[in-house]
Amino acid sequence: MQPQYQMGYDRAITVFSPDGRLYQVEYAREAVKRGTTAVGIKTQDGIVLIVDKRVSSKLLEASSIEKIFRIDDHIGVASSGLVGDARALVDRARIECQINRVSYDEKIEVEALAKKLCDHMQTLTQYGGIRPYGTALLIAGVSDGECRLFETDPSGTLLEYKATGIGIGRPAAMKIFEEEYKADLSIKDAILLGLKALHLATEGKFDVDTVEIGIVERGDALFKKMTKEEVASYVEQFKQ
């Protein structure tokens, strides 16, 4: 049963509770916390995104579950939370990239795109009749030869990380990163560290069909998703 003071304050997005909280935003964050685990790791050579796709039925086609998206040549995102909300944000991000190319004839900077998305997410916490996005994103890319990794949340908060996680396994992943992350990791070592974090977060319940990996390297600044065969080779190395 809800506390007396909370009754009514979680009905509308525009009403603060007496203790200064927006309950609808907090509920949206809970939707993210219940989502599948996604991790991002920044290295000197590039950035790695790894997600757990959580295949819940043997009848489900694992390839139909998409949690990592290519936004532009040099930017990719990983999502956790409501999949439909994530797709809507991905579409908006792609449009922002196209607008920047048409307007300025150049690729959008990773930080600029992250801020535009967070500005949009923040406006949905201010008006009645709409709800916040129930999804969080890890935005990875290369701008001016520098690797950038940002994390968003439903309130529109934007933070830059060296290594981070979102979703239900975030606490376990962050524990691994705080203990073992090093700035001079190679791409290969970063992938193995990310798999270790995902292994702990999922209590060992992952395999090649439930893992998706995306990387962007500093040299060519091209975001790409690994093939199933490439993912399998890393999963086998980790399990050895």
Protein backbone atom coordinates (compact mmCIF):
# COMPACT_ATOMS: atom_id res chain seq x y z
CA MET A 1 0.00 0.00 0.00
CA GLN A 2 1.29 3.47 -0.90
CA PRO A 3 2.26 5.89 1.88
CA GLN A 4 -0.37 8.58 2.56
CA TYR A 5 1.84 11.40 1.27
CA GLN A 6 2.58 9.59 -1.99
CA MET A 7 -1.04 9.08 -3.02
CA GLY A 8 -1.71 11.15 -6.12
CA TYR A 9 1.84 12.33 -6.69
CA ASP A 10 2.64 9.38 -8.95
CA ARG A 11 -0.36 9.97 -11.20
CA ALA A 12 1.02 12.88 -13.24
CA ILE A 13 4.50 13.50 -14.58
CA THR A 14 4.29 17.24 -13.86
CA VAL A 15 3.63 17.03 -10.11
CA PHE A 16 6.46 16.92 -7.59
CA SER A 17 5.90 15.04 -4.33
CA PRO A 18 6.44 16.94 -1.06
CA ASP A 19 9.93 15.45 -0.80
CA GLY A 20 10.89 16.70 -4.27
CA ARG A 21 10.52 13.52 -6.31
CA LEU A 22 8.94 12.79 -9.69
CA TYR A 23 7.57 9.29 -9.26
CA GLN A 24 6.88 8.67 -12.96
CA VAL A 25 10.55 9.31 -13.74
CA GLU A 26 11.56 6.93 -10.96
CA TYR A 27 9.18 4.30 -12.32
CA ALA A 28 10.77 4.69 -15.76
CA ARG A 29 14.18 4.08 -14.15
CA GLU A 30 12.76 0.92 -12.62
CA ALA A 31 11.79 -0.24 -16.12
CA VAL A 32 15.46 0.16 -17.11
CA LYS A 33 16.65 -1.72 -14.02
CA ARG A 34 14.44 -4.66 -15.03
CA GLY A 35 15.87 -4.68 -18.57
CA THR A 36 18.62 -6.92 -19.87
CA THR A 37 22.22 -6.09 -19.04
CA ALA A 38 24.34 -4.01 -21.42
CA VAL A 39 27.93 -2.93 -20.81
CA GLY A 40 30.28 -0.48 -22.48
CA ILE A 41 34.06 -0.31 -22.13
CA LYS A 42 36.35 2.42 -23.45
CA THR A 43 39.96 1.62 -24.34
CA GLN A 44 42.82 3.51 -25.98
CA ASP A 45 42.04 1.82 -29.30
CA GLY A 46 38.24 1.98 -29.33
CA ILE A 47 35.01 1.16 -27.51
CA VAL A 48 33.22 -2.13 -26.95
CA LEU A 49 29.48 -2.60 -26.38
CA ILE A 50 28.18 -5.99 -25.19
CA VAL A 51 24.58 -6.92 -24.42
CA ASP A 52 22.69 -9.89 -23.03
CA LYS A 53 19.71 -10.54 -25.30
CA ARG A 54 17.95 -12.83 -22.79
CA VAL A 55 16.34 -15.43 -25.07
CA SER A 56 13.36 -16.46 -22.95
CA SER A 57 12.06 -19.32 -25.10
CA LYS A 58 13.64 -22.00 -27.29
CA LEU A 59 10.99 -21.15 -29.89
CA LEU A 60 12.24 -17.57 -30.18
CA GLU A 61 14.53 -16.63 -33.05
CA ALA A 62 17.52 -15.06 -31.27
CA SER A 63 18.43 -13.05 -34.37
CA SER A 64 15.14 -11.12 -34.08
CA ILE A 65 16.23 -9.57 -30.78
CA GLU A 66 18.24 -6.42 -31.42
CA LYS A 67 19.80 -4.47 -28.56
CA ILE A 68 22.78 -2.89 -30.35
CA PHE A 69 22.13 -0.38 -33.14
CA ARG A 70 24.35 1.43 -35.61
CA ILE A 71 23.38 5.11 -35.59
CA ASP A 72 25.98 6.57 -37.97
CA ASP A 73 29.27 5.38 -39.45
CA HIS A 74 31.10 6.30 -36.26
CA ILE A 75 28.42 5.86 -33.56
CA GLY A 76 26.55 2.89 -32.11
CA VAL A 77 24.25 2.45 -29.12
CA ALA A 78 23.24 -0.35 -26.77
CA SER A 79 19.88 -0.26 -25.01
CA SER A 80 18.21 -1.64 -21.90
CA GLY A 81 14.58 -1.29 -20.90
CA LEU A 82 11.51 -1.06 -23.12
CA VAL A 83 12.55 -2.17 -26.61
CA GLY A 84 9.91 -0.07 -28.39
CA ASP A 85 11.09 3.08 -26.62
CA ALA A 86 14.68 2.28 -27.55
CA ARG A 87 13.75 1.94 -31.23
CA ALA A 88 12.01 5.32 -31.14
CA LEU A 89 15.12 6.96 -29.68
CA VAL A 90 17.35 5.17 -32.20
CA ASP A 91 15.24 6.52 -35.07
CA ARG A 92 15.46 10.02 -33.63
CA ALA A 93 19.24 9.69 -33.21
CA ARG A 94 19.64 8.62 -36.83
CA ILE A 95 17.61 11.62 -38.00
CA GLU A 96 19.79 13.97 -35.91
CA CYS A 97 22.88 12.51 -37.59
CA GLN A 98 21.35 13.05 -41.03
CA ILE A 99 20.34 16.63 -40.19
CA ASN A 100 23.90 17.40 -39.11
CA ARG A 101 25.33 15.99 -42.35
CA VAL A 102 22.89 17.97 -44.50
CA SER A 103 23.38 21.20 -42.51
CA TYR A 104 27.14 21.13 -41.96
CA ASP A 105 28.44 18.43 -44.35
CA GLU A 106 30.19 16.61 -41.50
CA LYS A 107 29.64 13.81 -39.01
CA ILE A 108 27.94 14.77 -35.77
CA GLU A 109 30.10 14.70 -32.64
CA VAL A 110 29.26 11.92 -30.19
CA GLU A 111 28.72 14.33 -27.29
CA ALA A 112 26.48 16.59 -29.40
CA LEU A 113 24.26 13.66 -30.36
CA ALA A 114 24.09 12.43 -26.76
CA LYS A 115 23.05 15.90 -25.57
CA LYS A 116 20.38 16.21 -28.26
CA LEU A 117 18.87 12.86 -27.25
CA CYS A 118 18.98 13.74 -23.56
CA ASP A 119 17.40 17.15 -24.21
CA HIS A 120 14.54 15.33 -25.94
CA MET A 121 14.21 12.79 -23.11
CA GLN A 122 14.20 15.58 -20.53
CA THR A 123 11.31 17.42 -22.20
CA LEU A 124 9.14 14.34 -21.66
CA THR A 125 9.48 14.87 -17.90
CA GLN A 126 7.89 18.34 -18.07
CA TYR A 127 4.55 18.00 -19.84
CA GLY A 128 1.30 16.25 -19.04
CA GLY A 129 -0.28 13.68 -21.34
CA ILE A 130 3.03 11.96 -22.16
CA ARG A 131 5.38 9.66 -20.26
CA PRO A 132 9.17 9.38 -19.98
CA TYR A 133 11.05 6.89 -22.12
CA GLY A 134 11.43 3.63 -20.22
CA THR A 135 14.86 2.95 -21.66
CA ALA A 136 18.53 3.84 -21.10
CA LEU A 137 21.21 3.99 -23.77
CA LEU A 138 24.96 3.52 -23.93
CA ILE A 139 26.20 5.78 -26.74
CA ALA A 140 29.66 4.91 -28.10
CA GLY A 141 31.61 6.58 -30.87
CA VAL A 142 34.75 8.34 -32.06
CA SER A 143 34.96 12.12 -32.53
CA ASP A 144 38.13 13.90 -33.65
CA GLY A 145 40.15 10.76 -32.94
CA GLU A 146 38.87 10.54 -29.36
CA CYS A 147 36.79 7.62 -28.04
CA ARG A 148 33.66 8.67 -26.14
CA LEU A 149 31.20 6.60 -24.11
CA PHE A 150 28.03 8.15 -22.67
CA GLU A 151 25.18 6.76 -20.58
CA THR A 152 21.67 8.24 -20.62
CA ASP A 153 18.71 7.60 -18.36
CA PRO A 154 14.95 8.38 -18.59
CA SER A 155 15.33 11.72 -16.79
CA GLY A 156 17.63 13.03 -19.52
CA THR A 157 20.76 12.76 -17.37
CA LEU A 158 23.98 12.41 -19.37
CA LEU A 159 27.20 10.98 -17.93
CA GLU A 160 30.47 9.99 -19.60
CA TYR A 161 32.18 6.78 -18.45
CA LYS A 162 35.31 4.76 -19.02
CA ALA A 163 33.32 1.59 -18.36
CA THR A 164 29.72 1.20 -17.28
CA GLY A 165 26.65 -1.00 -17.38
CA ILE A 166 22.88 -0.59 -17.53
CA GLY A 167 20.00 -2.94 -16.84
CA ILE A 168 19.39 -5.54 -14.19
CA GLY A 169 23.04 -6.61 -13.97
CA ARG A 170 24.52 -3.11 -13.53
CA PRO A 171 25.67 -3.57 -9.89
CA ALA A 172 27.53 -6.80 -10.70
CA ALA A 173 29.10 -5.32 -13.84
CA MET A 174 30.23 -2.14 -12.07
CA LYS A 175 31.86 -4.22 -9.34
CA ILE A 176 33.97 -6.04 -11.94
CA PHE A 177 34.88 -2.81 -13.74
CA GLU A 178 35.89 -0.99 -10.56
CA GLU A 179 38.19 -3.88 -9.65
CA GLU A 180 39.68 -4.81 -13.03
CA TYR A 181 39.28 -1.96 -15.54
CA LYS A 182 42.49 -0.42 -16.90
CA ALA A 183 42.74 2.42 -19.38
CA ASP A 184 45.38 0.61 -21.46
CA LEU A 185 43.19 -2.43 -22.25
CA SER A 186 43.23 -3.72 -25.81
CA ILE A 187 39.97 -4.26 -27.70
CA LYS A 188 40.32 -8.01 -27.19
CA ASP A 189 40.94 -7.67 -23.45
CA ALA A 190 38.01 -5.24 -23.15
CA ILE A 191 35.69 -7.78 -24.81
CA LEU A 192 36.83 -10.52 -22.43
CA LEU A 193 36.38 -8.17 -19.45
CA GLY A 194 32.90 -7.27 -20.69
CA LEU A 195 32.02 -10.96 -21.04
CA LYS A 196 33.26 -11.55 -17.50
CA ALA A 197 30.99 -8.77 -16.24
CA LEU A 198 28.07 -10.15 -18.25
CA HIS A 199 28.77 -13.66 -16.96
CA LEU A 200 28.54 -12.44 -13.37
CA ALA A 201 25.48 -10.30 -14.11
CA THR A 202 23.60 -13.20 -15.71
CA GLU A 203 24.88 -15.80 -13.24
CA GLY A 204 26.56 -17.64 -16.11
CA LYS A 205 23.43 -17.92 -18.23
CA PHE A 206 24.72 -16.77 -21.59
CA ASP A 207 26.06 -18.28 -24.78
CA VAL A 208 26.78 -17.23 -28.34
CA ASP A 209 23.05 -16.93 -29.14
CA THR A 210 22.35 -14.55 -26.27
CA VAL A 211 25.36 -12.23 -26.61
CA GLU A 212 25.65 -9.32 -29.03
CA ILE A 213 28.88 -7.32 -29.46
CA GLY A 214 29.53 -4.03 -31.22
CA ILE A 215 32.85 -2.21 -31.53
CA VAL A 216 34.14 1.07 -32.89
CA GLU A 217 37.90 1.43 -33.30
CA ARG A 218 39.76 4.71 -33.09
CA GLY A 219 41.69 4.10 -36.32
CA ASP A 220 38.90 3.67 -38.87
CA ALA A 221 36.15 5.20 -36.65
CA LEU A 222 33.60 2.77 -38.07
CA PHE A 223 31.03 1.13 -35.82
CA LYS A 224 30.31 -2.50 -36.60
CA LYS A 225 28.44 -5.38 -35.04
CA MET A 226 30.33 -8.65 -34.79
CA THR A 227 29.12 -11.69 -36.69
CA LYS A 228 27.90 -14.75 -34.83
CA GLU A 229 31.17 -16.53 -35.67
CA GLU A 230 33.27 -13.68 -34.23
CA VAL A 231 31.15 -13.60 -31.07
CA ALA A 232 31.48 -17.38 -30.73
CA SER A 233 35.29 -17.16 -30.81
CA TYR A 234 35.32 -14.70 -27.90
CA VAL A 235 32.74 -16.65 -25.90
CA GLU A 236 34.86 -19.80 -26.32
CA GLN A 237 38.02 -17.94 -25.22
CA PHE A 238 36.22 -16.65 -22.14
CA LYS A 239 34.90 -20.08 -21.15
CA GLN A 240 38.30 -21.75 -21.46
